[in-house]
Full PDB file with SEQRES, HELIX, SHEET, SSBOND, CRYST1, ORIGX, SCALE, CONECT and MASTER records, all heavy atoms in Angstrom:
SEQRES   1 A   37  ALA LYS GLU GLU ILE ALA PRO ARG VAL ASN GLU TYR LEU          
SEQRES   2 A   37  ASP LEU VAL GLY LEU ALA LYS LEU GLY HIS ARG TYR PRO          
SEQRES   3 A   37  LYS GLU LEU SER GLY GLY GLN GLN GLN ARG VAL                  
HELIX    1 AA1 LYS A    2  LEU A   15  1                                  14    
HELIX    2 AA2 PRO A   26  GLU A   28  5                                   3    
HELIX    3 AA3 GLY A   31  ARG A   36  1                                   6    
CRYST1    1.000    1.000    1.000  90.00  90.00  90.00 P 1           1          
ORIGX1      1.000000  0.000000  0.000000        0.00000                         
ORIGX2      0.000000  1.000000  0.000000        0.00000                         
ORIGX3      0.000000  0.000000  1.000000        0.00000                         
SCALE1      1.000000  0.000000  0.000000        0.00000                         
SCALE2      0.000000  1.000000  0.000000        0.00000                         
SCALE3      0.000000  0.000000  1.000000        0.00000                         
ATOM      1  N   ALA A   1     -28.916 -21.022  29.799  1.00  0.00           N  
ATOM      2  CA  ALA A   1     -29.403 -22.395  29.906  1.00  0.00           C  
ATOM      3  C   ALA A   1     -30.890 -22.410  30.252  1.00  0.00           C  
ATOM      4  O   ALA A   1     -31.351 -21.621  31.083  1.00  0.00           O  
ATOM      5  CB  ALA A   1     -28.613 -23.150  30.974  1.00  0.00           C  
ATOM      6  N   LYS A   2     -31.643 -23.323  29.601  1.00  0.00           N  
ATOM      7  CA  LYS A   2     -33.096 -23.366  29.778  1.00  0.00           C  
ATOM      8  C   LYS A   2     -33.501 -23.504  31.237  1.00  0.00           C  
ATOM      9  O   LYS A   2     -34.471 -22.899  31.691  1.00  0.00           O  
ATOM     10  CB  LYS A   2     -33.684 -24.522  28.966  1.00  0.00           C  
ATOM     11  CG  LYS A   2     -33.689 -24.279  27.459  1.00  0.00           C  
ATOM     12  CD  LYS A   2     -34.396 -25.420  26.738  1.00  0.00           C  
ATOM     13  CE  LYS A   2     -34.429 -25.158  25.226  1.00  0.00           C  
ATOM     14  NZ  LYS A   2     -35.112 -26.247  24.493  1.00  0.00           N  
ATOM     15  N   GLU A   3     -32.747 -24.317  31.984  1.00  0.00           N  
ATOM     16  CA  GLU A   3     -33.105 -24.550  33.381  1.00  0.00           C  
ATOM     17  C   GLU A   3     -32.868 -23.316  34.258  1.00  0.00           C  
ATOM     18  O   GLU A   3     -33.372 -23.244  35.390  1.00  0.00           O  
ATOM     19  CB  GLU A   3     -32.326 -25.745  33.944  1.00  0.00           C  
ATOM     20  CG  GLU A   3     -30.806 -25.611  33.922  1.00  0.00           C  
ATOM     21  CD  GLU A   3     -30.175 -26.108  32.623  1.00  0.00           C  
ATOM     22  OE1 GLU A   3     -30.910 -26.239  31.621  1.00  0.00           O  
ATOM     23  OE2 GLU A   3     -28.958 -26.364  32.635  1.00  0.00           O  
ATOM     24  N   GLU A   4     -32.121 -22.329  33.730  1.00  0.00           N  
ATOM     25  CA  GLU A   4     -31.874 -21.103  34.489  1.00  0.00           C  
ATOM     26  C   GLU A   4     -32.877 -20.001  34.164  1.00  0.00           C  
ATOM     27  O   GLU A   4     -33.072 -19.076  34.961  1.00  0.00           O  
ATOM     28  CB  GLU A   4     -30.460 -20.575  34.191  1.00  0.00           C  
ATOM     29  CG  GLU A   4     -29.329 -21.463  34.675  1.00  0.00           C  
ATOM     30  CD  GLU A   4     -27.964 -20.849  34.371  1.00  0.00           C  
ATOM     31  OE1 GLU A   4     -27.818 -19.629  34.580  1.00  0.00           O  
ATOM     32  OE2 GLU A   4     -27.073 -21.590  33.913  1.00  0.00           O  
ATOM     33  N   ILE A   5     -33.519 -20.114  33.002  1.00  0.00           N  
ATOM     34  CA  ILE A   5     -34.390 -19.020  32.552  1.00  0.00           C  
ATOM     35  C   ILE A   5     -35.630 -18.865  33.420  1.00  0.00           C  
ATOM     36  O   ILE A   5     -35.935 -17.762  33.904  1.00  0.00           O  
ATOM     37  CB  ILE A   5     -34.776 -19.216  31.071  1.00  0.00           C  
ATOM     38  CG1 ILE A   5     -33.533 -19.017  30.178  1.00  0.00           C  
ATOM     39  CG2 ILE A   5     -35.887 -18.239  30.672  1.00  0.00           C  
ATOM     40  CD1 ILE A   5     -33.789 -19.264  28.707  1.00  0.00           C  
ATOM     41  N   ALA A   6     -36.379 -19.941  33.615  1.00  0.00           N  
ATOM     42  CA  ALA A   6     -37.634 -19.844  34.365  1.00  0.00           C  
ATOM     43  C   ALA A   6     -37.440 -19.303  35.781  1.00  0.00           C  
ATOM     44  O   ALA A   6     -38.164 -18.383  36.198  1.00  0.00           O  
ATOM     45  CB  ALA A   6     -38.343 -21.189  34.392  1.00  0.00           C  
ATOM     46  N   PRO A   7     -36.476 -19.809  36.554  1.00  0.00           N  
ATOM     47  CA  PRO A   7     -36.278 -19.263  37.903  1.00  0.00           C  
ATOM     48  C   PRO A   7     -35.929 -17.776  37.902  1.00  0.00           C  
ATOM     49  O   PRO A   7     -36.417 -17.028  38.761  1.00  0.00           O  
ATOM     50  CB  PRO A   7     -35.118 -20.100  38.455  1.00  0.00           C  
ATOM     51  CG  PRO A   7     -35.125 -21.364  37.671  1.00  0.00           C  
ATOM     52  CD  PRO A   7     -35.585 -20.960  36.308  1.00  0.00           C  
ATOM     53  N   ARG A   8     -35.124 -17.355  36.909  1.00  0.00           N  
ATOM     54  CA  ARG A   8     -34.743 -15.948  36.885  1.00  0.00           C  
ATOM     55  C   ARG A   8     -35.924 -15.066  36.479  1.00  0.00           C  
ATOM     56  O   ARG A   8     -36.132 -13.999  37.049  1.00  0.00           O  
ATOM     57  CB  ARG A   8     -33.562 -15.696  35.945  1.00  0.00           C  
ATOM     58  CG  ARG A   8     -33.011 -14.277  36.132  1.00  0.00           C  
ATOM     59  CD  ARG A   8     -31.885 -13.914  35.186  1.00  0.00           C  
ATOM     60  NE  ARG A   8     -30.666 -14.678  35.387  1.00  0.00           N  
ATOM     61  CZ  ARG A   8     -29.503 -14.353  34.814  1.00  0.00           C  
ATOM     62  NH1 ARG A   8     -29.422 -13.281  34.015  1.00  0.00           N  
ATOM     63  NH2 ARG A   8     -28.442 -15.090  35.010  1.00  0.00           N  
ATOM     64  N   VAL A   9     -36.697 -15.507  35.480  1.00  0.00           N  
ATOM     65  CA  VAL A   9     -37.875 -14.735  35.080  1.00  0.00           C  
ATOM     66  C   VAL A   9     -38.834 -14.601  36.258  1.00  0.00           C  
ATOM     67  O   VAL A   9     -39.334 -13.498  36.552  1.00  0.00           O  
ATOM     68  CB  VAL A   9     -38.590 -15.405  33.889  1.00  0.00           C  
ATOM     69  CG1 VAL A   9     -39.940 -14.735  33.634  1.00  0.00           C  
ATOM     70  CG2 VAL A   9     -37.730 -15.329  32.646  1.00  0.00           C  
ATOM     71  N   ASN A  10     -39.088 -15.695  36.960  1.00  0.00           N  
ATOM     72  CA  ASN A  10     -40.004 -15.660  38.104  1.00  0.00           C  
ATOM     73  C   ASN A  10     -39.463 -14.783  39.230  1.00  0.00           C  
ATOM     74  O   ASN A  10     -40.232 -14.096  39.917  1.00  0.00           O  
ATOM     75  CB  ASN A  10     -40.270 -17.083  38.615  1.00  0.00           C  
ATOM     76  CG  ASN A  10     -41.110 -17.892  37.640  1.00  0.00           C  
ATOM     77  OD1 ASN A  10     -41.973 -17.344  36.950  1.00  0.00           O  
ATOM     78  ND2 ASN A  10     -40.865 -19.193  37.564  1.00  0.00           N  
ATOM     79  N   GLU A  11     -38.153 -14.782  39.403  1.00  0.00           N  
ATOM     80  CA  GLU A  11     -37.529 -13.944  40.432  1.00  0.00           C  
ATOM     81  C   GLU A  11     -37.818 -12.465  40.170  1.00  0.00           C  
ATOM     82  O   GLU A  11     -38.192 -11.724  41.094  1.00  0.00           O  
ATOM     83  CB  GLU A  11     -36.012 -14.184  40.441  1.00  0.00           C  
ATOM     84  CG  GLU A  11     -35.244 -13.251  41.383  1.00  0.00           C  
ATOM     85  CD  GLU A  11     -33.734 -13.347  41.211  1.00  0.00           C  
ATOM     86  OE1 GLU A  11     -33.265 -14.278  40.489  1.00  0.00           O  
ATOM     87  OE2 GLU A  11     -33.014 -12.497  41.777  1.00  0.00           O  
ATOM     88  N   TYR A  12     -37.674 -12.052  38.925  1.00  0.00           N  
ATOM     89  CA  TYR A  12     -37.836 -10.632  38.625  1.00  0.00           C  
ATOM     90  C   TYR A  12     -39.305 -10.233  38.458  1.00  0.00           C  
ATOM     91  O   TYR A  12     -39.666  -9.085  38.732  1.00  0.00           O  
ATOM     92  CB  TYR A  12     -36.988 -10.246  37.414  1.00  0.00           C  
ATOM     93  CG  TYR A  12     -35.532 -10.156  37.801  1.00  0.00           C  
ATOM     94  CD1 TYR A  12     -34.668 -11.228  37.600  1.00  0.00           C  
ATOM     95  CD2 TYR A  12     -35.032  -9.029  38.444  1.00  0.00           C  
ATOM     96  CE1 TYR A  12     -33.350 -11.175  38.003  1.00  0.00           C  
ATOM     97  CE2 TYR A  12     -33.708  -8.959  38.845  1.00  0.00           C  
ATOM     98  CZ  TYR A  12     -32.873 -10.037  38.628  1.00  0.00           C  
ATOM     99  OH  TYR A  12     -31.553  -9.971  39.052  1.00  0.00           O  
ATOM    100  N   LEU A  13     -40.151 -11.164  38.044  1.00  0.00           N  
ATOM    101  CA  LEU A  13     -41.583 -10.865  38.050  1.00  0.00           C  
ATOM    102  C   LEU A  13     -42.078 -10.686  39.475  1.00  0.00           C  
ATOM    103  O   LEU A  13     -42.923  -9.821  39.758  1.00  0.00           O  
ATOM    104  CB  LEU A  13     -42.369 -11.979  37.345  1.00  0.00           C  
ATOM    105  CG  LEU A  13     -42.292 -12.008  35.822  1.00  0.00           C  
ATOM    106  CD1 LEU A  13     -43.085 -13.179  35.266  1.00  0.00           C  
ATOM    107  CD2 LEU A  13     -42.788 -10.699  35.218  1.00  0.00           C  
ATOM    108  N   ASP A  14     -41.543 -11.481  40.373  1.00  0.00           N  
ATOM    109  CA  ASP A  14     -41.890 -11.335  41.788  1.00  0.00           C  
ATOM    110  C   ASP A  14     -41.375  -9.998  42.327  1.00  0.00           C  
ATOM    111  O   ASP A  14     -42.069  -9.319  43.094  1.00  0.00           O  
ATOM    112  CB  ASP A  14     -41.305 -12.500  42.587  1.00  0.00           C  
ATOM    113  CG  ASP A  14     -41.718 -12.458  44.047  1.00  0.00           C  
ATOM    114  OD1 ASP A  14     -42.923 -12.420  44.335  1.00  0.00           O  
ATOM    115  OD2 ASP A  14     -40.819 -12.433  44.922  1.00  0.00           O  
ATOM    116  N   LEU A  15     -40.185  -9.616  41.918  1.00  0.00           N  
ATOM    117  CA  LEU A  15     -39.586  -8.363  42.377  1.00  0.00           C  
ATOM    118  C   LEU A  15     -40.435  -7.159  41.985  1.00  0.00           C  
ATOM    119  O   LEU A  15     -40.570  -6.207  42.760  1.00  0.00           O  
ATOM    120  CB  LEU A  15     -38.172  -8.207  41.799  1.00  0.00           C  
ATOM    121  CG  LEU A  15     -37.374  -6.969  42.235  1.00  0.00           C  
ATOM    122  CD1 LEU A  15     -37.042  -7.023  43.722  1.00  0.00           C  
ATOM    123  CD2 LEU A  15     -36.084  -6.860  41.418  1.00  0.00           C  
ATOM    124  N   VAL A  16     -41.038  -7.193  40.789  1.00  0.00           N  
ATOM    125  CA  VAL A  16     -41.849  -6.057  40.323  1.00  0.00           C  
ATOM    126  C   VAL A  16     -43.339  -6.244  40.638  1.00  0.00           C  
ATOM    127  O   VAL A  16     -44.177  -5.462  40.186  1.00  0.00           O  
ATOM    128  CB  VAL A  16     -41.660  -5.820  38.806  1.00  0.00           C  
ATOM    129  CG1 VAL A  16     -40.214  -5.495  38.494  1.00  0.00           C  
ATOM    130  CG2 VAL A  16     -42.151  -7.000  37.972  1.00  0.00           C  
ATOM    131  N   GLY A  17     -43.669  -7.284  41.415  1.00  0.00           N  
ATOM    132  CA  GLY A  17     -45.047  -7.480  41.853  1.00  0.00           C  
ATOM    133  C   GLY A  17     -45.976  -8.067  40.822  1.00  0.00           C  
ATOM    134  O   GLY A  17     -47.188  -7.855  40.879  1.00  0.00           O  
ATOM    135  N   LEU A  18     -45.426  -8.834  39.864  1.00  0.00           N  
ATOM    136  CA  LEU A  18     -46.256  -9.421  38.803  1.00  0.00           C  
ATOM    137  C   LEU A  18     -46.127 -10.947  38.753  1.00  0.00           C  
ATOM    138  O   LEU A  18     -46.308 -11.567  37.706  1.00  0.00           O  
ATOM    139  CB  LEU A  18     -45.873  -8.830  37.440  1.00  0.00           C  
ATOM    140  CG  LEU A  18     -46.078  -7.323  37.265  1.00  0.00           C  
ATOM    141  CD1 LEU A  18     -45.569  -6.875  35.896  1.00  0.00           C  
ATOM    142  CD2 LEU A  18     -47.552  -6.955  37.412  1.00  0.00           C  
ATOM    143  N   ALA A  19     -45.829 -11.558  39.882  1.00  0.00           N  
ATOM    144  CA  ALA A  19     -45.568 -12.997  39.920  1.00  0.00           C  
ATOM    145  C   ALA A  19     -46.744 -13.825  39.402  1.00  0.00           C  
ATOM    146  O   ALA A  19     -46.550 -14.904  38.832  1.00  0.00           O  
ATOM    147  CB  ALA A  19     -45.215 -13.418  41.342  1.00  0.00           C  
ATOM    148  N   LYS A  20     -47.970 -13.315  39.580  1.00  0.00           N  
ATOM    149  CA  LYS A  20     -49.148 -14.089  39.181  1.00  0.00           C  
ATOM    150  C   LYS A  20     -49.675 -13.721  37.790  1.00  0.00           C  
ATOM    151  O   LYS A  20     -50.719 -14.223  37.360  1.00  0.00           O  
ATOM    152  CB  LYS A  20     -50.255 -13.890  40.210  1.00  0.00           C  
ATOM    153  CG  LYS A  20     -49.894 -14.409  41.599  1.00  0.00           C  
ATOM    154  CD  LYS A  20     -51.034 -14.181  42.590  1.00  0.00           C  
ATOM    155  CE  LYS A  20     -50.676 -14.716  43.977  1.00  0.00           C  
ATOM    156  NZ  LYS A  20     -51.781 -14.504  44.953  1.00  0.00           N  
ATOM    157  N   LEU A  21     -48.951 -12.860  37.084  1.00  0.00           N  
ATOM    158  CA  LEU A  21     -49.449 -12.382  35.787  1.00  0.00           C  
ATOM    159  C   LEU A  21     -48.575 -12.817  34.612  1.00  0.00           C  
ATOM    160  O   LEU A  21     -48.690 -12.271  33.519  1.00  0.00           O  
ATOM    161  CB  LEU A  21     -49.564 -10.855  35.801  1.00  0.00           C  
ATOM    162  CG  LEU A  21     -50.484 -10.253  36.865  1.00  0.00           C  
ATOM    163  CD1 LEU A  21     -50.539  -8.729  36.722  1.00  0.00           C  
ATOM    164  CD2 LEU A  21     -51.891 -10.838  36.767  1.00  0.00           C  
ATOM    165  N   GLY A  22     -47.724 -13.799  34.811  1.00  0.00           N  
ATOM    166  CA  GLY A  22     -46.818 -14.229  33.759  1.00  0.00           C  
ATOM    167  C   GLY A  22     -47.511 -14.781  32.534  1.00  0.00           C  
ATOM    168  O   GLY A  22     -46.955 -14.751  31.429  1.00  0.00           O  
ATOM    169  N   HIS A  23     -48.754 -15.267  32.691  1.00  0.00           N  
ATOM    170  CA  HIS A  23     -49.487 -15.875  31.574  1.00  0.00           C  
ATOM    171  C   HIS A  23     -50.236 -14.847  30.732  1.00  0.00           C  
ATOM    172  O   HIS A  23     -50.734 -15.175  29.651  1.00  0.00           O  
ATOM    173  CB  HIS A  23     -50.499 -16.879  32.119  1.00  0.00           C  
ATOM    174  CG  HIS A  23     -51.550 -16.253  32.990  1.00  0.00           C  
ATOM    175  ND1 HIS A  23     -51.284 -15.832  34.289  1.00  0.00           N  
ATOM    176  CD2 HIS A  23     -52.859 -15.952  32.752  1.00  0.00           C  
ATOM    177  CE1 HIS A  23     -52.382 -15.309  34.812  1.00  0.00           C  
ATOM    178  NE2 HIS A  23     -53.343 -15.363  33.905  1.00  0.00           N  
ATOM    179  N   ARG A  24     -50.320 -13.613  31.201  1.00  0.00           N  
ATOM    180  CA  ARG A  24     -51.079 -12.587  30.477  1.00  0.00           C  
ATOM    181  C   ARG A  24     -50.273 -11.990  29.327  1.00  0.00           C  
ATOM    182  O   ARG A  24     -49.057 -12.124  29.262  1.00  0.00           O  
ATOM    183  CB  ARG A  24     -51.519 -11.472  31.429  1.00  0.00           C  
ATOM    184  CG  ARG A  24     -52.558 -11.901  32.447  1.00  0.00           C  
ATOM    185  CD  ARG A  24     -53.165 -10.684  33.121  1.00  0.00           C  
ATOM    186  NE  ARG A  24     -54.121 -11.052  34.153  1.00  0.00           N  
ATOM    187  CZ  ARG A  24     -54.802 -10.180  34.881  1.00  0.00           C  
ATOM    188  NH1 ARG A  24     -54.629  -8.872  34.667  1.00  0.00           N  
ATOM    189  NH2 ARG A  24     -55.649 -10.588  35.791  1.00  0.00           N  
ATOM    190  N   TYR A  25     -51.019 -11.288  28.434  1.00  0.00           N  
ATOM    191  CA  TYR A  25     -50.400 -10.580  27.323  1.00  0.00           C  
ATOM    192  C   TYR A  25     -50.394  -9.076  27.642  1.00  0.00           C  
ATOM    193  O   TYR A  25     -51.205  -8.604  28.446  1.00  0.00           O  
ATOM    194  CB  TYR A  25     -51.150 -10.855  26.026  1.00  0.00           C  
ATOM    195  CG  TYR A  25     -50.952 -12.263  25.511  1.00  0.00           C  
ATOM    196  CD1 TYR A  25     -51.779 -13.302  25.956  1.00  0.00           C  
ATOM    197  CD2 TYR A  25     -49.928 -12.555  24.619  1.00  0.00           C  
ATOM    198  CE1 TYR A  25     -51.589 -14.610  25.508  1.00  0.00           C  
ATOM    199  CE2 TYR A  25     -49.726 -13.854  24.161  1.00  0.00           C  
ATOM    200  CZ  TYR A  25     -50.553 -14.868  24.611  1.00  0.00           C  
ATOM    201  OH  TYR A  25     -50.349 -16.160  24.169  1.00  0.00           O  
ATOM    202  N   PRO A  26     -49.473  -8.313  27.035  1.00  0.00           N  
ATOM    203  CA  PRO A  26     -49.380  -6.875  27.321  1.00  0.00           C  
ATOM    204  C   PRO A  26     -50.707  -6.129  27.230  1.00  0.00           C  
ATOM    205  O   PRO A  26     -50.989  -5.258  28.049  1.00  0.00           O  
ATOM    206  CB  PRO A  26     -48.377  -6.376  26.280  1.00  0.00           C  
ATOM    207  CG  PRO A  26     -47.464  -7.538  26.064  1.00  0.00           C  
ATOM    208  CD  PRO A  26     -48.384  -8.744  26.130  1.00  0.00           C  
ATOM    209  N   LYS A  27     -51.559  -6.485  26.242  1.00  0.00           N  
ATOM    210  CA  LYS A  27     -52.831  -5.773  26.066  1.00  0.00           C  
ATOM    211  C   LYS A  27     -53.783  -5.999  27.239  1.00  0.00           C  
ATOM    212  O   LYS A  27     -54.763  -5.265  27.402  1.00  0.00           O  
ATOM    213  CB  LYS A  27     -53.499  -6.204  24.763  1.00  0.00           C  
ATOM    214  CG  LYS A  27     -53.955  -7.651  24.732  1.00  0.00           C  
ATOM    215  CD  LYS A  27     -54.591  -8.011  23.395  1.00  0.00           C  
ATOM    216  CE  LYS A  27     -55.035  -9.467  23.376  1.00  0.00           C  
ATOM    217  NZ  LYS A  27     -55.643  -9.833  22.066  1.00  0.00           N  
ATOM    218  N   GLU A  28     -53.502  -7.020  28.046  1.00  0.00           N  
ATOM    219  CA  GLU A  28     -54.349  -7.328  29.204  1.00  0.00           C  
ATOM    220  C   GLU A  28     -53.856  -6.647  30.476  1.00  0.00           C  
ATOM    221  O   GLU A  28     -54.403  -6.878  31.553  1.00  0.00           O  
ATOM    222  CB  GLU A  28     -54.410  -8.847  29.421  1.00  0.00           C  
ATOM    223  CG  GLU A  28     -54.983  -9.602  28.238  1.00  0.00           C  
ATOM    224  CD  GLU A  28     -54.872 -11.112  28.383  1.00  0.00           C  
ATOM    225  OE1 GLU A  28     -53.793 -11.597  28.766  1.00  0.00           O  
ATOM    226  OE2 GLU A  28     -55.877 -11.795  28.116  1.00  0.00           O  
ATOM    227  N   LEU A  29     -52.840  -5.802  30.351  1.00  0.00           N  
ATOM    228  CA  LEU A  29     -52.244  -5.129  31.503  1.00  0.00           C  
ATOM    229  C   LEU A  29     -52.501  -3.634  31.468  1.00  0.00           C  
ATOM    230  O   LEU A  29     -52.711  -3.050  30.398  1.00  0.00           O  
ATOM    231  CB  LEU A  29     -50.727  -5.358  31.530  1.00  0.00           C  
ATOM    232  CG  LEU A  29     -50.227  -6.802  31.515  1.00  0.00           C  
ATOM    233  CD1 LEU A  29     -48.703  -6.808  31.472  1.00  0.00           C  
ATOM    234  CD2 LEU A  29     -50.739  -7.580  32.719  1.00  0.00           C  
ATOM    235  N   SER A  30     -52.460  -3.003  32.626  1.00  0.00           N  
ATOM    236  CA  SER A  30     -52.542  -1.545  32.709  1.00  0.00           C  
ATOM    237  C   SER A  30     -51.202  -0.946  32.297  1.00  0.00           C  
ATOM    238  O   SER A  30     -50.194  -1.664  32.156  1.00  0.00           O  
ATOM    239  CB  SER A  30     -52.876  -1.118  34.135  1.00  0.00           C  
ATOM    240  OG  SER A  30     -51.788  -1.420  35.008  1.00  0.00           O  
ATOM    241  N   GLY A  31     -51.184   0.384  32.125  1.00  0.00           N  
ATOM    242  CA  GLY A  31     -49.930   1.046  31.763  1.00  0.00           C  
ATOM    243  C   GLY A  31     -48.848   0.841  32.801  1.00  0.00           C  
ATOM    244  O   GLY A  31     -47.676   0.591  32.471  1.00  0.00           O  
ATOM    245  N   GLY A  32     -49.217   0.908  34.070  1.00  0.00           N  
ATOM    246  CA  GLY A  32     -48.236   0.702  35.129  1.00  0.00           C  
ATOM    247  C   GLY A  32     -47.691  -0.711  35.147  1.00  0.00           C  
ATOM    248  O   GLY A  32     -46.498  -0.934  35.390  1.00  0.00           O  
ATOM    249  N   GLN A  33     -48.556  -1.692  34.881  1.00  0.00           N  
ATOM    250  CA  GLN A  33     -48.112  -3.087  34.829  1.00  0.00           C  
ATOM    251  C   GLN A  33     -47.190  -3.333  33.641  1.00  0.00           C  
ATOM    252  O   GLN A  33     -46.200  -4.060  33.758  1.00  0.00           O  
ATOM    253  CB  GLN A  33     -49.332  -4.012  34.781  1.00  0.00           C  
ATOM    254  CG  GLN A  33     -50.112  -4.062  36.088  1.00  0.00           C  
ATOM    255  CD  GLN A  33     -51.428  -4.793  35.957  1.00  0.00           C  
ATOM    256  OE1 GLN A  33     -52.051  -4.812  34.876  1.00  0.00           O  
ATOM    257  NE2 GLN A  33     -51.891  -5.399  37.036  1.00  0.00           N  
ATOM    258  N   GLN A  34     -47.516  -2.730  32.498  1.00  0.00           N  
ATOM    259  CA  GLN A  34     -46.629  -2.860  31.335  1.00  0.00           C  
ATOM    260  C   GLN A  34     -45.261  -2.266  31.635  1.00  0.00           C  
ATOM    261  O   GLN A  34     -44.229  -2.818  31.222  1.00  0.00           O  
ATOM    262  CB  GLN A  34     -47.256  -2.162  30.130  1.00  0.00           C  
ATOM    263  CG  GLN A  34     -48.479  -2.857  29.574  1.00  0.00           C  
ATOM    264  CD  GLN A  34     -49.027  -2.154  28.345  1.00  0.00           C  
ATOM    265  OE1 GLN A  34     -48.283  -1.724  27.476  1.00  0.00           O  
ATOM    266  NE2 GLN A  34     -50.345  -2.020  28.275  1.00  0.00           N  
ATOM    267  N   GLN A  35     -45.244  -1.150  32.365  1.00  0.00           N  
ATOM    268  CA  GLN A  35     -43.972  -0.543  32.744  1.00  0.00           C  
ATOM    269  C   GLN A  35     -43.171  -1.493  33.629  1.00  0.00           C  
ATOM    270  O   GLN A  35     -41.952  -1.614  33.482  1.00  0.00           O  
ATOM    271  CB  GLN A  35     -44.233   0.771  33.480  1.00  0.00           C  
ATOM    272  CG  GLN A  35     -42.984   1.513  33.931  1.00  0.00           C  
ATOM    273  CD  GLN A  35     -42.130   1.965  32.779  1.00  0.00           C  
ATOM    274  OE1 GLN A  35     -41.312   1.200  32.276  1.00  0.00           O  
ATOM    275  NE2 GLN A  35     -42.321   3.194  32.345  1.00  0.00           N  
ATOM    276  N   ARG A  36     -43.854  -2.205  34.512  1.00  0.00           N  
ATOM    277  CA  ARG A  36     -43.165  -3.154  35.395  1.00  0.00           C  
ATOM    278  C   ARG A  36     -42.586  -4.329  34.600  1.00  0.00           C  
ATOM    279  O   ARG A  36     -41.507  -4.828  34.915  1.00  0.00           O  
ATOM    280  CB  ARG A  36     -44.131  -3.665  36.470  1.00  0.00           C  
ATOM    281  CG  ARG A  36     -44.435  -2.652  37.557  1.00  0.00           C  
ATOM    282  CD  ARG A  36     -45.302  -3.285  38.654  1.00  0.00           C  
ATOM    283  NE  ARG A  36     -45.438  -2.401  39.779  1.00  0.00           N  
ATOM    284  CZ  ARG A  36     -46.404  -1.515  39.931  1.00  0.00           C  
ATOM    285  NH1 ARG A  36     -47.322  -1.398  38.980  1.00  0.00           N  
ATOM    286  NH2 ARG A  36     -46.467  -0.754  40.999  1.00  0.00           N  
ATOM    287  N   VAL A  37     -43.323  -4.772  33.578  1.00  0.00           N  
ATOM    288  CA  VAL A  37     -42.799  -5.855  32.725  1.00  0.00           C  
ATOM    289  C   VAL A  37     -41.514  -5.389  32.031  1.00  0.00           C  
ATOM    290  O   VAL A  37     -40.525  -6.127  31.962  1.00  0.00           O  
ATOM    291  CB  VAL A  37     -43.843  -6.294  31.682  1.00  0.00           C  
ATOM    292  CG1 VAL A  37     -43.246  -7.345  30.740  1.00  0.00           C  
ATOM    293  CG2 VAL A  37     -45.082  -6.846  32.364  1.00  0.00           C  
TER     294      VAL A  37                                                      
MASTER        0    0    0    3    0    0    0    6  293    1    0    3          
END                                                                             
């Protein structure tokens, strides 16, 4: 459900330490950050 997707994505981005980078594209990330995604 659409209303469940955003909270879950944000939960796991926060878990891997990328909560503030959701708007970026893979090419804008380091290798370690891409691994976290």
